[in-house]
Amino acid sequence: MEDKKKMTTLNSSVGADEEQSPSKNCNDSITETEEYFNSFDEIKNKMMRLSNPYLLNTVTMSELYDSVYSGLPAIIDNLLYPGLYLFAGGAKIGKSFLMIQLAYHISTGTPFWGYPCRKGKVLYLALEDNHRR
């Protein structure tokens, strides 16, 4: 019987008739969670900016550095990937004809110089040419 007394507490109340006793291990307070509310406001503001079509979406350098982007599939395997390319060279060496050949192979999906090519839409703008050419 004496063992049971050691295991129970005196005047233990489970109702709402008394105040909750402060815990020695609990140091959290509402004022200390202000950082949580600030981050919530930041997330809300970011969502508002993303949903507004008139605002440019920006990222911080740390967000960019921490992001992992998957690679895009090649247009022409081991040769041409999606993105921006600058194709330059001397006059009359065949740059335009090479670009027309690339455009043809991409638009038809036929291999280019033995490299497998994925079929896709092509827009070729010959801005340096006159109407006759």
Protein backbone atom coordinates (compact mmCIF):
# COMPACT_ATOMS: atom_id res chain seq x y z
CA MET A 1 0.00 0.00 0.00
CA GLU A 2 2.86 2.33 0.75
CA ASP A 3 4.21 1.85 -2.81
CA LYS A 4 0.91 3.11 -4.25
CA LYS A 5 1.16 6.32 -2.19
CA LYS A 6 4.55 7.06 -3.71
CA MET A 7 3.10 6.73 -7.19
CA THR A 8 0.13 9.07 -6.75
CA THR A 9 0.02 12.83 -6.25
CA LEU A 10 -1.76 14.67 -3.53
CA ASN A 11 -4.81 16.75 -4.43
CA SER A 12 -4.49 16.13 -8.12
CA SER A 13 -7.18 17.92 -10.12
CA VAL A 14 -8.05 17.02 -13.70
CA GLY A 15 -10.75 19.63 -14.13
CA ALA A 16 -10.64 23.34 -14.90
CA ASP A 17 -11.07 24.35 -11.27
CA GLU A 18 -7.44 25.28 -10.71
CA GLU A 19 -4.67 27.06 -12.61
CA GLN A 20 -2.25 25.10 -14.67
CA SER A 21 1.03 24.79 -12.85
CA PRO A 22 3.99 26.24 -14.69
CA SER A 23 6.38 23.68 -16.05
CA LYS A 24 10.06 24.07 -15.30
CA ASN A 25 11.00 22.72 -18.74
CA CYS A 26 8.70 24.97 -20.75
CA ASN A 27 10.36 28.27 -21.67
CA ASP A 28 8.29 28.95 -24.79
CA SER A 29 5.98 31.92 -24.83
CA ILE A 30 3.89 33.61 -27.47
CA THR A 31 6.38 36.44 -27.74
CA GLU A 32 9.19 34.00 -28.53
CA THR A 33 7.28 32.54 -31.51
CA GLU A 34 7.27 35.90 -33.30
CA GLU A 35 9.79 34.49 -35.79
CA TYR A 36 7.21 31.85 -36.81
CA PHE A 37 4.60 34.51 -37.52
CA ASN A 38 7.10 36.59 -39.49
CA SER A 39 7.94 33.59 -41.67
CA PHE A 40 4.20 33.00 -42.20
CA ASP A 41 3.79 36.61 -43.35
CA GLU A 42 6.78 36.22 -45.67
CA ILE A 43 5.25 33.08 -47.21
CA LYS A 44 1.90 34.84 -47.60
CA ASN A 45 3.56 37.85 -49.27
CA LYS A 46 5.53 35.56 -51.59
CA MET A 47 2.32 33.78 -52.62
CA MET A 48 0.68 37.15 -53.32
CA ARG A 49 3.65 38.19 -55.49
CA LEU A 50 3.61 34.90 -57.40
CA SER A 51 -0.10 35.18 -58.12
CA ASN A 52 0.23 38.74 -59.46
CA PRO A 53 0.94 38.58 -63.22
CA TYR A 54 2.34 42.14 -63.20
CA LEU A 55 5.19 41.39 -60.80
CA LEU A 56 8.46 39.70 -61.70
CA ASN A 57 9.26 36.60 -59.65
CA THR A 58 12.64 37.00 -57.98
CA VAL A 59 14.77 34.58 -55.96
CA THR A 60 17.59 35.20 -53.56
CA MET A 61 21.08 33.94 -54.26
CA SER A 62 20.81 31.39 -51.43
CA GLU A 63 17.49 30.08 -52.84
CA LEU A 64 19.08 29.76 -56.26
CA TYR A 65 22.16 28.05 -54.85
CA ASP A 66 20.08 25.57 -52.80
CA SER A 67 17.75 24.70 -55.71
CA VAL A 68 18.32 21.55 -57.72
CA TYR A 69 17.09 21.69 -61.28
CA SER A 70 16.68 18.62 -63.44
CA GLY A 71 18.30 18.71 -66.84
CA LEU A 72 16.22 19.14 -69.95
CA PRO A 73 16.26 16.38 -72.56
CA ALA A 74 18.50 16.94 -75.55
CA ILE A 75 17.05 18.13 -78.84
CA ILE A 76 19.85 16.34 -80.69
CA ASP A 77 21.50 13.73 -78.44
CA ASN A 78 25.00 14.71 -77.28
CA LEU A 79 24.97 17.75 -79.58
CA LEU A 80 22.17 20.29 -78.97
CA TYR A 81 20.25 21.00 -75.75
CA PRO A 82 17.48 23.54 -75.07
CA GLY A 83 18.79 26.99 -74.38
CA LEU A 84 20.34 29.98 -76.06
CA TYR A 85 23.18 29.56 -78.54
CA LEU A 86 25.21 32.09 -80.47
CA PHE A 87 26.36 30.72 -83.81
CA ALA A 88 28.94 33.01 -85.36
CA GLY A 89 31.60 32.83 -88.02
CA GLY A 90 33.03 34.44 -91.11
CA ALA A 91 30.95 35.53 -94.07
CA LYS A 92 29.83 32.98 -96.68
CA ILE A 93 31.02 29.84 -94.85
CA GLY A 94 27.58 28.20 -94.58
CA LYS A 95 26.14 29.30 -91.21
CA SER A 96 22.66 29.92 -92.59
CA PHE A 97 22.60 26.66 -94.51
CA LEU A 98 23.70 24.74 -91.40
CA MET A 99 20.90 26.37 -89.37
CA ILE A 100 18.36 25.52 -92.08
CA GLN A 101 19.62 21.93 -92.06
CA LEU A 102 19.31 21.80 -88.24
CA ALA A 103 15.79 23.23 -88.45
CA TYR A 104 14.80 20.62 -91.03
CA HIS A 105 16.08 17.68 -88.96
CA ILE A 106 14.45 18.95 -85.76
CA SER A 107 11.12 19.60 -87.51
CA THR A 108 11.08 16.10 -89.06
CA GLY A 109 12.76 14.20 -86.21
CA THR A 110 15.30 12.59 -88.55
CA PRO A 111 18.89 11.97 -87.34
CA PHE A 112 21.35 14.81 -87.84
CA TRP A 113 24.86 13.64 -88.82
CA GLY A 114 24.05 10.28 -87.23
CA TYR A 115 22.90 11.82 -83.93
CA PRO A 116 19.33 10.92 -82.84
CA CYS A 117 17.06 13.96 -83.05
CA ARG A 118 13.79 14.59 -81.21
CA LYS A 119 11.00 15.99 -83.33
CA GLY A 120 9.94 19.51 -82.38
CA LYS A 121 8.57 22.80 -83.61
CA VAL A 122 11.00 25.15 -85.33
CA LEU A 123 10.87 28.85 -86.06
CA TYR A 124 13.62 30.05 -88.37
CA LEU A 125 13.99 33.81 -88.78
CA ALA A 126 16.34 34.75 -91.61
CA LEU A 127 16.57 38.39 -90.62
CA GLU A 128 19.77 39.07 -92.52
CA ASP A 129 18.26 37.89 -95.82
CA ASN A 130 16.29 40.00 -98.27
CA HIS A 131 12.91 38.91 -99.65
CA ARG A 132 14.35 37.54 -102.92
CA ARG A 133 16.76 35.16 -101.12
